[in-house]
Amino acid sequence: MYKEPIFLQPVFQDRIWGGQKLSTEFDYAIPYKRTGEAWVISAHPNGPSVIKNGPLEGKTLADAWKGHGGLFNKSAKQNEEYPLLVKILDANDDLSVQVHPDDAFARKVEGVPYGKTECWYVLSAEEGAELVLGHHAQTPEELEEMVENQVWDSFLRRVKVKAGDFVYVPSGTIHAIGKGIVILETQQSSDITYRVYDYDRTDSNGNKRELHLDRAIQVTTVPHRDVVREQEITKVDDLTVKQLVEAEYFSVYHWELNGNATLQLEQDFLQVSVIEGNATISVKENDFPIAKGSQFILPYGITEYKLSGEAEFIVSHV
């Protein structure tokens, strides 16, 4: 059906901590004063991306996944949900401290197919910006005690970050993106969040957002374990490929293009986000201009494609 990239329209989410950088940095027409998230490649029911070109123009990625599985080589997996979700987040304020369950807990307790392991590529960060990654409790008992006593300064582990940093966040990891950071997040297609601490913020009605301490304590990994992944770098013509992570649920890469590259599609399908620059992707005799903010999927059946230009990409697949 498609011998070309499947281009996608982001879905925007209003968040208490959001801002305007998705407009100023990506030229997106954002709908909210506090636009915190652009779900740029999504088949999740809370925000499915809309296809912008080809025979399925106007349909959602969820429609394509369910009705046209051949685009993803999923003929043997018809009952599974689309596995991945890619977002760009603008943290104009600190996000809540939170944790996500694994698949087993999500299925048993929430009745959904996926828990949430995720990873972040830092697109920009203000000087001194930091995030929460992990905690200092050594036992489940100490974890529960520190959360109940709200000793956040001694409980939370904080890490400074800068543009170009990469962070892997397995399910069970206490975490929070900090103020002044814009990230591209690749994750399992899940929207389950257990809030641990929200800085006692209130909404426009003066209400604090709900916390989920019991479930958060149940799913948090104790003690915290940093996951360090070796980042292999290879070259294909004028394309530098850095493998950021190869994990159970996804593999994620940073591509830097300075010229021309001819590539083979070796996966069932490939998710591509342009994070800097301008380029052209060519499939057979057809050329498609792409630029910072472009989001697309290379579907199953495209065997070879070419890139030309000066650009950076975050690329992922299952």
C-alpha atoms as a PDB file:
ATOM      1  CA  MET A   1       0.000   0.000   0.000  1.00  0.00           C
ATOM      2  CA  TYR A   2       2.790   2.457   0.884  1.00  0.00           C
ATOM      3  CA  LYS A   3       6.051   2.730  -1.022  1.00  0.00           C
ATOM      4  CA  GLU A   4       6.833   5.969   0.773  1.00  0.00           C
ATOM      5  CA  PRO A   5       7.229   7.205   4.356  1.00  0.00           C
ATOM      6  CA  ILE A   6       4.041   7.473   6.416  1.00  0.00           C
ATOM      7  CA  PHE A   7       4.078  11.055   7.735  1.00  0.00           C
ATOM      8  CA  LEU A   8       2.276  11.774  11.003  1.00  0.00           C
ATOM      9  CA  GLN A   9       0.628  14.783  12.625  1.00  0.00           C
ATOM     10  CA  PRO A  10       1.456  15.228  16.334  1.00  0.00           C
ATOM     11  CA  VAL A  11      -1.228  15.212  19.021  1.00  0.00           C
ATOM     12  CA  PHE A  12      -0.725  17.861  21.728  1.00  0.00           C
ATOM     13  CA  GLN A  13      -1.404  17.501  25.446  1.00  0.00           C
ATOM     14  CA  ASP A  14      -2.177  20.283  27.931  1.00  0.00           C
ATOM     15  CA  ARG A  15      -0.027  19.844  31.042  1.00  0.00           C
ATOM     16  CA  ILE A  16       0.269  21.846  34.253  1.00  0.00           C
ATOM     17  CA  TRP A  17       4.055  21.983  33.734  1.00  0.00           C
ATOM     18  CA  GLY A  18       4.018  22.724  29.989  1.00  0.00           C
ATOM     19  CA  GLY A  19       5.093  25.813  28.065  1.00  0.00           C
ATOM     20  CA  GLN A  20       5.609  27.211  24.559  1.00  0.00           C
ATOM     21  CA  LYS A  21       8.858  25.605  23.361  1.00  0.00           C
ATOM     22  CA  LEU A  22       7.094  23.097  21.109  1.00  0.00           C
ATOM     23  CA  SER A  23       6.132  26.182  19.089  1.00  0.00           C
ATOM     24  CA  THR A  24       9.368  28.138  19.311  1.00  0.00           C
ATOM     25  CA  GLU A  25      11.732  25.177  18.853  1.00  0.00           C
ATOM     26  CA  PHE A  26       9.705  23.002  16.449  1.00  0.00           C
ATOM     27  CA  ASP A  27       7.340  25.489  14.810  1.00  0.00           C
ATOM     28  CA  TYR A  28       4.358  23.363  15.817  1.00  0.00           C
ATOM     29  CA  ALA A  29       0.956  25.077  15.940  1.00  0.00           C
ATOM     30  CA  ILE A  30       0.336  24.265  19.584  1.00  0.00           C
ATOM     31  CA  PRO A  31      -3.209  24.672  20.950  1.00  0.00           C
ATOM     32  CA  TYR A  32      -2.544  25.361  24.635  1.00  0.00           C
ATOM     33  CA  LYS A  33      -0.764  28.003  26.704  1.00  0.00           C
ATOM     34  CA  ARG A  34       0.836  25.154  28.647  1.00  0.00           C
ATOM     35  CA  THR A  35       1.477  22.571  25.932  1.00  0.00           C
ATOM     36  CA  GLY A  36       3.594  19.970  27.676  1.00  0.00           C
ATOM     37  CA  GLU A  37       3.647  17.090  25.223  1.00  0.00           C
ATOM     38  CA  ALA A  38       3.512  16.377  21.507  1.00  0.00           C
ATOM     39  CA  TRP A  39       2.658  12.715  20.929  1.00  0.00           C
ATOM     40  CA  VAL A  40       4.455  12.575  17.613  1.00  0.00           C
ATOM     41  CA  ILE A  41       4.256   8.844  16.813  1.00  0.00           C
ATOM     42  CA  SER A  42       1.324   7.346  18.679  1.00  0.00           C
ATOM     43  CA  ALA A  43      -1.401   4.758  18.309  1.00  0.00           C
ATOM     44  CA  HIS A  44      -2.451   5.080  21.969  1.00  0.00           C
ATOM     45  CA  PRO A  45      -6.184   5.752  22.491  1.00  0.00           C
ATOM     46  CA  ASN A  46      -5.387   8.851  24.575  1.00  0.00           C
ATOM     47  CA  GLY A  47      -3.780  10.526  21.573  1.00  0.00           C
ATOM     48  CA  PRO A  48      -3.400   8.663  18.261  1.00  0.00           C
ATOM     49  CA  SER A  49      -1.380  10.420  15.533  1.00  0.00           C
ATOM     50  CA  VAL A  50      -3.129  11.205  12.240  1.00  0.00           C
ATOM     51  CA  ILE A  51      -1.587  10.145   8.915  1.00  0.00           C
ATOM     52  CA  LYS A  52      -0.828  13.094   6.607  1.00  0.00           C
ATOM     53  CA  ASN A  53      -0.220  11.406   3.230  1.00  0.00           C
ATOM     54  CA  GLY A  54      -1.036   8.467   0.979  1.00  0.00           C
ATOM     55  CA  PRO A  55      -4.021   6.119   0.839  1.00  0.00           C
ATOM     56  CA  LEU A  56      -4.680   6.358   4.597  1.00  0.00           C
ATOM     57  CA  GLU A  57      -4.505  10.149   4.828  1.00  0.00           C
ATOM     58  CA  GLY A  58      -6.809  11.314   7.626  1.00  0.00           C
ATOM     59  CA  LYS A  59      -6.797   7.935   9.355  1.00  0.00           C
ATOM     60  CA  THR A  60      -4.969   7.382  12.620  1.00  0.00           C
ATOM     61  CA  LEU A  61      -1.906   5.265  13.182  1.00  0.00           C
ATOM     62  CA  ALA A  62      -4.140   3.032  15.296  1.00  0.00           C
ATOM     63  CA  ASP A  63      -6.423   2.542  12.271  1.00  0.00           C
ATOM     64  CA  ALA A  64      -3.443   1.582  10.124  1.00  0.00           C
ATOM     65  CA  TRP A  65      -2.122  -0.845  12.732  1.00  0.00           C
ATOM     66  CA  LYS A  66      -5.466  -2.573  13.184  1.00  0.00           C
ATOM     67  CA  GLY A  67      -6.631  -2.619   9.582  1.00  0.00           C
ATOM     68  CA  HIS A  68      -3.443  -2.736   7.540  1.00  0.00           C
ATOM     69  CA  GLY A  69      -1.030  -4.894   9.494  1.00  0.00           C
ATOM     70  CA  GLY A  70       1.046  -5.624   6.415  1.00  0.00           C
ATOM     71  CA  LEU A  71       2.521  -2.135   6.718  1.00  0.00           C
ATOM     72  CA  PHE A  72       4.221  -3.364   9.893  1.00  0.00           C
ATOM     73  CA  ASN A  73       4.728  -7.036   9.001  1.00  0.00           C
ATOM     74  CA  LYS A  74       2.476  -8.032  11.877  1.00  0.00           C
ATOM     75  CA  SER A  75       0.321 -10.682  10.244  1.00  0.00           C
ATOM     76  CA  ALA A  76       1.158 -13.112  13.054  1.00  0.00           C
ATOM     77  CA  LYS A  77       0.448 -10.513  15.760  1.00  0.00           C
ATOM     78  CA  GLN A  78      -2.997  -9.233  14.893  1.00  0.00           C
ATOM     79  CA  ASN A  79      -4.214  -9.065  18.487  1.00  0.00           C
ATOM     80  CA  GLU A  80      -1.323  -7.032  19.860  1.00  0.00           C
ATOM     81  CA  GLU A  81      -1.456  -3.276  20.344  1.00  0.00           C
ATOM     82  CA  TYR A  82       0.967  -0.938  18.600  1.00  0.00           C
ATOM     83  CA  PRO A  83       4.014  -1.316  20.840  1.00  0.00           C
ATOM     84  CA  LEU A  84       5.725   2.091  20.939  1.00  0.00           C
ATOM     85  CA  LEU A  85       4.981   5.736  21.627  1.00  0.00           C
ATOM     86  CA  VAL A  86       7.248   8.704  20.819  1.00  0.00           C
ATOM     87  CA  LYS A  87       6.763  12.088  22.496  1.00  0.00           C
ATOM     88  CA  ILE A  88       8.462  15.465  22.684  1.00  0.00           C
ATOM     89  CA  LEU A  89       8.118  17.032  26.143  1.00  0.00           C
ATOM     90  CA  ASP A  90       8.600  20.673  27.131  1.00  0.00           C
ATOM     91  CA  ALA A  91       9.190  20.906  30.880  1.00  0.00           C
ATOM     92  CA  ASN A  92       8.507  24.568  31.572  1.00  0.00           C
ATOM     93  CA  ASP A  93       8.235  23.482  35.212  1.00  0.00           C
ATOM     94  CA  ASP A  94       9.243  20.349  37.118  1.00  0.00           C
ATOM     95  CA  LEU A  95       7.230  17.241  36.301  1.00  0.00           C
ATOM     96  CA  SER A  96       5.826  15.227  39.183  1.00  0.00           C
ATOM     97  CA  VAL A  97       8.043  12.577  40.736  1.00  0.00           C
ATOM     98  CA  GLN A  98       6.608   9.324  39.431  1.00  0.00           C
ATOM     99  CA  VAL A  99       7.132   5.668  38.602  1.00  0.00           C
ATOM    100  CA  HIS A 100       5.668   3.249  36.058  1.00  0.00           C
ATOM    101  CA  PRO A 101       4.772  -0.448  36.402  1.00  0.00           C
ATOM    102  CA  ASP A 102       6.096  -3.332  34.337  1.00  0.00           C
ATOM    103  CA  ASP A 103       3.958  -5.362  31.924  1.00  0.00           C
ATOM    104  CA  ALA A 104       2.916  -7.968  34.475  1.00  0.00           C
ATOM    105  CA  PHE A 105       1.645  -5.395  36.991  1.00  0.00           C
ATOM    106  CA  ALA A 106      -0.047  -3.319  34.272  1.00  0.00           C
ATOM    107  CA  ARG A 107      -1.942  -6.346  32.970  1.00  0.00           C
ATOM    108  CA  LYS A 108      -2.929  -7.669  36.384  1.00  0.00           C
ATOM    109  CA  VAL A 109      -3.846  -4.417  38.129  1.00  0.00           C
ATOM    110  CA  GLU A 110      -4.690  -1.940  35.350  1.00  0.00           C
ATOM    111  CA  GLY A 111      -6.000  -4.326  32.698  1.00  0.00           C
ATOM    112  CA  VAL A 112      -3.844  -2.851  29.920  1.00  0.00           C
ATOM    113  CA  PRO A 113      -1.305  -4.676  27.734  1.00  0.00           C
ATOM    114  CA  TYR A 114       1.833  -2.665  28.474  1.00  0.00           C
ATOM    115  CA  GLY A 115       3.699  -1.250  31.408  1.00  0.00           C
ATOM    116  CA  LYS A 116       6.126   1.547  30.736  1.00  0.00           C
ATOM    117  CA  THR A 117       9.831   1.396  30.141  1.00  0.00           C
ATOM    118  CA  GLU A 118      11.045   4.592  28.500  1.00  0.00           C
ATOM    119  CA  CYS A 119      14.143   6.531  27.480  1.00  0.00           C
ATOM    120  CA  TRP A 120      14.965  10.193  26.960  1.00  0.00           C
ATOM    121  CA  TYR A 121      17.160  12.046  24.498  1.00  0.00           C
ATOM    122  CA  VAL A 122      17.772  15.572  25.805  1.00  0.00           C
ATOM    123  CA  LEU A 123      17.083  18.023  22.970  1.00  0.00           C
ATOM    124  CA  SER A 124      17.790  21.165  24.979  1.00  0.00           C
ATOM    125  CA  ALA A 125      18.424  22.074  28.599  1.00  0.00           C
ATOM    126  CA  GLU A 126      18.898  25.301  30.455  1.00  0.00           C
ATOM    127  CA  GLU A 127      22.191  25.730  32.280  1.00  0.00           C
ATOM    128  CA  GLY A 128      22.167  23.754  35.526  1.00  0.00           C
ATOM    129  CA  ALA A 129      19.036  21.797  34.596  1.00  0.00           C
ATOM    130  CA  GLU A 130      18.561  18.525  36.433  1.00  0.00           C
ATOM    131  CA  LEU A 131      16.196  15.611  36.621  1.00  0.00           C
ATOM    132  CA  VAL A 132      15.256  13.002  39.183  1.00  0.00           C
ATOM    133  CA  LEU A 133      16.572   9.534  38.397  1.00  0.00           C
ATOM    134  CA  GLY A 134      16.263   6.994  41.184  1.00  0.00           C
ATOM    135  CA  HIS A 135      16.262   7.196  44.963  1.00  0.00           C
ATOM    136  CA  HIS A 136      18.482   6.513  47.973  1.00  0.00           C
ATOM    137  CA  ALA A 137      16.388   3.932  49.861  1.00  0.00           C
ATOM    138  CA  GLN A 138      18.163   0.614  50.347  1.00  0.00           C
ATOM    139  CA  THR A 139      15.247  -1.614  51.411  1.00  0.00           C
ATOM    140  CA  PRO A 140      11.490  -1.707  50.753  1.00  0.00           C
ATOM    141  CA  GLU A 141      10.909  -0.734  54.379  1.00  0.00           C
ATOM    142  CA  GLU A 142      13.167   2.291  54.058  1.00  0.00           C
ATOM    143  CA  LEU A 143      11.483   3.253  50.791  1.00  0.00           C
ATOM    144  CA  GLU A 144       8.041   3.222  52.390  1.00  0.00           C
ATOM    145  CA  GLU A 145       9.257   5.140  55.427  1.00  0.00           C
ATOM    146  CA  MET A 146      10.964   7.866  53.394  1.00  0.00           C
ATOM    147  CA  VAL A 147       7.939   8.328  51.117  1.00  0.00           C
ATOM    148  CA  GLU A 148       5.488   8.445  54.011  1.00  0.00           C
ATOM    149  CA  ASN A 149       7.683  10.949  55.892  1.00  0.00           C
ATOM    150  CA  GLN A 150       8.127  13.028  52.715  1.00  0.00           C
ATOM    151  CA  VAL A 151      11.889  13.453  53.165  1.00  0.00           C
ATOM    152  CA  TRP A 152      12.290  14.290  49.484  1.00  0.00           C
ATOM    153  CA  ASP A 153      15.724  15.929  49.676  1.00  0.00           C
ATOM    154  CA  SER A 154      17.309  12.817  51.149  1.00  0.00           C
ATOM    155  CA  PHE A 155      15.128  10.352  49.233  1.00  0.00           C
ATOM    156  CA  LEU A 156      15.411  11.590  45.636  1.00  0.00           C
ATOM    157  CA  ARG A 157      18.512  11.176  43.487  1.00  0.00           C
ATOM    158  CA  ARG A 158      19.126  14.184  41.223  1.00  0.00           C
ATOM    159  CA  VAL A 159      21.259  14.254  38.070  1.00  0.00           C
ATOM    160  CA  LYS A 160      22.340  17.262  35.984  1.00  0.00           C
ATOM    161  CA  VAL A 161      21.831  16.978  32.223  1.00  0.00           C
ATOM    162  CA  LYS A 162      22.684  18.863  29.039  1.00  0.00           C
ATOM    163  CA  ALA A 163      21.659  18.709  25.383  1.00  0.00           C
ATOM    164  CA  GLY A 164      22.685  15.426  23.772  1.00  0.00           C
ATOM    165  CA  ASP A 165      22.477  13.348  26.962  1.00  0.00           C
ATOM    166  CA  PHE A 166      20.592  10.058  26.865  1.00  0.00           C
ATOM    167  CA  VAL A 167      18.784   8.474  29.827  1.00  0.00           C
ATOM    168  CA  TYR A 168      17.311   4.952  30.003  1.00  0.00           C
ATOM    169  CA  VAL A 169      14.395   4.619  32.447  1.00  0.00           C
ATOM    170  CA  PRO A 170      13.209   1.032  33.031  1.00  0.00           C
ATOM    171  CA  SER A 171       9.831   0.408  34.656  1.00  0.00           C
ATOM    172  CA  GLY A 172      10.159   0.630  38.428  1.00  0.00           C
ATOM    173  CA  THR A 173      12.466   3.675  38.285  1.00  0.00           C
ATOM    174  CA  ILE A 174      11.540   6.753  40.318  1.00  0.00           C
ATOM    175  CA  HIS A 175      11.999   9.710  37.962  1.00  0.00           C
ATOM    176  CA  ALA A 176      11.012  13.238  36.998  1.00  0.00           C
ATOM    177  CA  ILE A 177      12.041  15.574  34.196  1.00  0.00           C
ATOM    178  CA  GLY A 178      13.179  18.918  35.573  1.00  0.00           C
ATOM    179  CA  LYS A 179      12.331  22.495  34.660  1.00  0.00           C
ATOM    180  CA  GLY A 180      14.016  23.867  31.553  1.00  0.00           C
ATOM    181  CA  ILE A 181      14.484  20.540  29.767  1.00  0.00           C
ATOM    182  CA  VAL A 182      13.057  19.498  26.382  1.00  0.00           C
ATOM    183  CA  ILE A 183      13.305  15.786  25.607  1.00  0.00           C
ATOM    184  CA  LEU A 184      12.323  13.286  22.971  1.00  0.00           C
ATOM    185  CA  GLU A 185      10.938  10.239  24.748  1.00  0.00           C
ATOM    186  CA  THR A 186      10.680   6.755  23.274  1.00  0.00           C
ATOM    187  CA  GLN A 187       8.563   4.405  25.380  1.00  0.00           C
ATOM    188  CA  GLN A 188       6.225   1.476  25.446  1.00  0.00           C
ATOM    189  CA  SER A 189       2.726   2.490  24.371  1.00  0.00           C
ATOM    190  CA  SER A 190       1.380   3.068  27.860  1.00  0.00           C
ATOM    191  CA  ASP A 191      -0.103   6.004  29.759  1.00  0.00           C
ATOM    192  CA  ILE A 192       0.083   4.622  33.301  1.00  0.00           C
ATOM    193  CA  THR A 193       1.746   6.943  35.803  1.00  0.00           C
ATOM    194  CA  TYR A 194       1.911   6.575  39.586  1.00  0.00           C
ATOM    195  CA  ARG A 195       2.682   9.965  41.144  1.00  0.00           C
ATOM    196  CA  VAL A 196       4.800  10.005  44.268  1.00  0.00           C
ATOM    197  CA  TYR A 197       5.262  13.746  44.796  1.00  0.00           C
ATOM    198  CA  ASP A 198       3.908  16.800  42.958  1.00  0.00           C
ATOM    199  CA  TYR A 199       5.487  19.718  44.875  1.00  0.00           C
ATOM    200  CA  ASP A 200       2.080  20.399  46.487  1.00  0.00           C
ATOM    201  CA  ARG A 201       0.946  22.192  43.328  1.00  0.00           C
ATOM    202  CA  THR A 202      -2.698  23.019  42.767  1.00  0.00           C
ATOM    203  CA  ASP A 203      -4.737  23.352  39.588  1.00  0.00           C
ATOM    204  CA  SER A 204      -6.875  26.341  38.590  1.00  0.00           C
ATOM    205  CA  ASN A 205      -9.541  25.164  41.025  1.00  0.00           C
ATOM    206  CA  GLY A 206      -7.104  24.972  43.925  1.00  0.00           C
ATOM    207  CA  ASN A 207      -6.996  21.159  43.950  1.00  0.00           C
ATOM    208  CA  LYS A 208      -3.845  19.097  44.260  1.00  0.00           C
ATOM    209  CA  ARG A 209      -3.323  16.356  41.691  1.00  0.00           C
ATOM    210  CA  GLU A 210      -3.901  12.800  42.857  1.00  0.00           C
ATOM    211  CA  LEU A 211      -0.983  10.803  44.232  1.00  0.00           C
ATOM    212  CA  HIS A 212      -0.714   7.003  43.953  1.00  0.00           C
ATOM    213  CA  LEU A 213       1.592   6.117  46.825  1.00  0.00           C
ATOM    214  CA  ASP A 214       0.431   2.537  47.480  1.00  0.00           C
ATOM    215  CA  ARG A 215       0.918   1.387  43.904  1.00  0.00           C
ATOM    216  CA  ALA A 216       4.078   3.439  43.466  1.00  0.00           C
ATOM    217  CA  ILE A 217       5.661   1.732  46.465  1.00  0.00           C
ATOM    218  CA  GLN A 218       4.625  -1.676  45.125  1.00  0.00           C
ATOM    219  CA  VAL A 219       6.289  -1.218  41.735  1.00  0.00           C
ATOM    220  CA  THR A 220       9.448   0.746  42.634  1.00  0.00           C
ATOM    221  CA  THR A 221      12.761  -1.076  42.262  1.00  0.00           C
ATOM    222  CA  VAL A 222      14.702  -1.158  45.552  1.00  0.00           C
ATOM    223  CA  PRO A 223      17.539  -0.332  45.729  1.00  0.00           C
ATOM    224  CA  HIS A 224      17.789   1.847  42.621  1.00  0.00           C
ATOM    225  CA  ARG A 225      20.011   0.436  39.879  1.00  0.00           C
ATOM    226  CA  ASP A 226      21.570   2.602  37.189  1.00  0.00           C
ATOM    227  CA  VAL A 227      21.460   1.003  33.748  1.00  0.00           C
ATOM    228  CA  VAL A 228      24.466   1.941  31.626  1.00  0.00           C
ATOM    229  CA  ARG A 229      24.376   0.907  27.991  1.00  0.00           C
ATOM    230  CA  GLU A 230      27.396   0.814  25.687  1.00  0.00           C
ATOM    231  CA  GLN A 231      26.774   3.156  22.760  1.00  0.00           C
ATOM    232  CA  GLU A 232      28.181   1.679  19.570  1.00  0.00           C
ATOM    233  CA  ILE A 233      28.991   4.099  16.717  1.00  0.00           C
ATOM    234  CA  THR A 234      29.055   3.052  13.057  1.00  0.00           C
ATOM    235  CA  LYS A 235      29.140   4.849   9.687  1.00  0.00           C
ATOM    236  CA  VAL A 236      27.015   4.370   6.563  1.00  0.00           C
ATOM    237  CA  ASP A 237      28.285   6.660   3.805  1.00  0.00           C
ATOM    238  CA  ASP A 238      27.872  10.190   5.226  1.00  0.00           C
ATOM    239  CA  LEU A 239      25.608   9.040   8.085  1.00  0.00           C
ATOM    240  CA  THR A 240      26.963   8.530  11.614  1.00  0.00           C
ATOM    241  CA  VAL A 241      24.836   6.043  13.564  1.00  0.00           C
ATOM    242  CA  LYS A 242      25.055   5.948  17.368  1.00  0.00           C
ATOM    243  CA  GLN A 243      23.097   3.162  19.019  1.00  0.00           C
ATOM    244  CA  LEU A 244      21.756   4.729  22.221  1.00  0.00           C
ATOM    245  CA  VAL A 245      20.095   1.607  23.605  1.00  0.00           C
ATOM    246  CA  GLU A 246      19.206  -1.908  22.540  1.00  0.00           C
ATOM    247  CA  ALA A 247      16.734  -3.228  25.092  1.00  0.00           C
ATOM    248  CA  GLU A 248      13.850  -5.641  25.515  1.00  0.00           C
ATOM    249  CA  TYR A 249      11.153  -3.301  24.224  1.00  0.00           C
ATOM    250  CA  PHE A 250      12.952  -1.044  21.766  1.00  0.00           C
ATOM    251  CA  SER A 251      16.202  -0.054  20.127  1.00  0.00           C
ATOM    252  CA  VAL A 252      16.933   3.658  19.777  1.00  0.00           C
ATOM    253  CA  TYR A 253      19.576   5.461  17.686  1.00  0.00           C
ATOM    254  CA  HIS A 254      20.897   8.954  17.070  1.00  0.00           C
ATOM    255  CA  TRP A 255      21.666   9.573  13.403  1.00  0.00           C
ATOM    256  CA  GLU A 256      23.745  12.507  12.160  1.00  0.00           C
ATOM    257  CA  LEU A 257      23.657  13.105   8.403  1.00  0.00           C
ATOM    258  CA  ASN A 258      26.260  15.241   6.650  1.00  0.00           C
ATOM    259  CA  GLY A 259      25.776  14.525   2.964  1.00  0.00           C
ATOM    260  CA  ASN A 260      24.297  11.386   1.425  1.00  0.00           C
ATOM    261  CA  ALA A 261      23.559   7.851   2.592  1.00  0.00           C
ATOM    262  CA  THR A 262      21.899   4.804   1.043  1.00  0.00           C
ATOM    263  CA  LEU A 263      20.290   2.483   3.587  1.00  0.00           C
ATOM    264  CA  GLN A 264      18.410  -0.805   3.733  1.00  0.00           C
ATOM    265  CA  LEU A 265      15.274  -1.239   5.846  1.00  0.00           C
ATOM    266  CA  GLU A 266      16.234  -4.261   7.920  1.00  0.00           C
ATOM    267  CA  GLN A 267      13.436  -3.999  10.501  1.00  0.00           C
ATOM    268  CA  ASP A 268       9.705  -4.636  10.184  1.00  0.00           C
ATOM    269  CA  PHE A 269       9.203  -0.852  10.370  1.00  0.00           C
ATOM    270  CA  LEU A 270      11.225   2.142  11.500  1.00  0.00           C
ATOM    271  CA  GLN A 271      10.124   5.225  13.470  1.00  0.00           C
ATOM    272  CA  VAL A 272      11.961   8.442  12.553  1.00  0.00           C
ATOM    273  CA  SER A 273      11.935  11.888  14.210  1.00  0.00           C
ATOM    274  CA  VAL A 274      13.910  14.760  12.671  1.00  0.00           C
ATOM    275  CA  ILE A 275      15.382  16.774  15.557  1.00  0.00           C
ATOM    276  CA  GLU A 276      17.639  19.197  13.653  1.00  0.00           C
ATOM    277  CA  GLY A 277      18.275  20.410  10.126  1.00  0.00           C
ATOM    278  CA  ASN A 278      16.802  19.783   6.701  1.00  0.00           C
ATOM    279  CA  ALA A 279      17.088  16.789   4.408  1.00  0.00           C
ATOM    280  CA  THR A 280      15.420  14.727   1.713  1.00  0.00           C
ATOM    281  CA  ILE A 281      14.384  11.098   1.956  1.00  0.00           C
ATOM    282  CA  SER A 282      14.090   9.277  -1.360  1.00  0.00           C
ATOM    283  CA  VAL A 283      12.291   5.997  -2.028  1.00  0.00           C
ATOM    284  CA  LYS A 284      12.693   4.716  -5.578  1.00  0.00           C
ATOM    285  CA  GLU A 285      12.217   7.831  -7.748  1.00  0.00           C
ATOM    286  CA  ASN A 286      10.209   9.812  -5.203  1.00  0.00           C
ATOM    287  CA  ASP A 287      11.761  12.547  -3.033  1.00  0.00           C
ATOM    288  CA  PHE A 288      10.241  13.806   0.206  1.00  0.00           C
ATOM    289  CA  PRO A 289      11.546  16.933   1.973  1.00  0.00           C
ATOM    290  CA  ILE A 290      11.936  16.582   5.738  1.00  0.00           C
ATOM    291  CA  ALA A 291      12.938  19.094   8.399  1.00  0.00           C
ATOM    292  CA  LYS A 292      13.182  19.554  12.158  1.00  0.00           C
ATOM    293  CA  GLY A 293       9.843  18.426  13.573  1.00  0.00           C
ATOM    294  CA  SER A 294       9.043  15.916  10.801  1.00  0.00           C
ATOM    295  CA  GLN A 295       7.776  12.572  12.093  1.00  0.00           C
ATOM    296  CA  PHE A 296       7.339   9.468   9.973  1.00  0.00           C
ATOM    297  CA  ILE A 297       7.377   5.690   9.798  1.00  0.00           C
ATOM    298  CA  LEU A 298       9.171   3.690   7.137  1.00  0.00           C
ATOM    299  CA  PRO A 299       6.752   0.793   6.580  1.00  0.00           C
ATOM    300  CA  TYR A 300       7.482  -2.841   5.833  1.00  0.00           C
ATOM    301  CA  GLY A 301       8.129  -3.404   2.151  1.00  0.00           C
ATOM    302  CA  ILE A 302      10.486  -0.487   1.575  1.00  0.00           C
ATOM    303  CA  THR A 303      13.758  -2.264   0.951  1.00  0.00           C
ATOM    304  CA  GLU A 304      16.058   0.674   0.197  1.00  0.00           C
ATOM    305  CA  TYR A 305      15.928   4.414   0.811  1.00  0.00           C
ATOM    306  CA  LYS A 306      18.306   7.348   0.542  1.00  0.00           C
ATOM    307  CA  LEU A 307      18.950  10.362   2.738  1.00  0.00           C
ATOM    308  CA  SER A 308      20.609  13.593   1.637  1.00  0.00           C
ATOM    309  CA  GLY A 309      21.206  16.833   3.506  1.00  0.00           C
ATOM    310  CA  GLU A 310      22.380  18.041   6.914  1.00  0.00           C
ATOM    311  CA  ALA A 311      20.181  16.753   9.709  1.00  0.00           C
ATOM    312  CA  GLU A 312      19.912  14.808  12.962  1.00  0.00           C
ATOM    313  CA  PHE A 313      17.376  12.105  13.726  1.00  0.00           C
ATOM    314  CA  ILE A 314      16.189   9.933  16.590  1.00  0.00           C
ATOM    315  CA  VAL A 315      15.256   6.534  15.142  1.00  0.00           C
ATOM    316  CA  SER A 316      13.630   3.581  16.883  1.00  0.00           C
ATOM    317  CA  HIS A 317      12.188   0.141  16.301  1.00  0.00           C
ATOM    318  CA  VAL A 318      10.964  -2.854  18.264  1.00  0.00           C
END
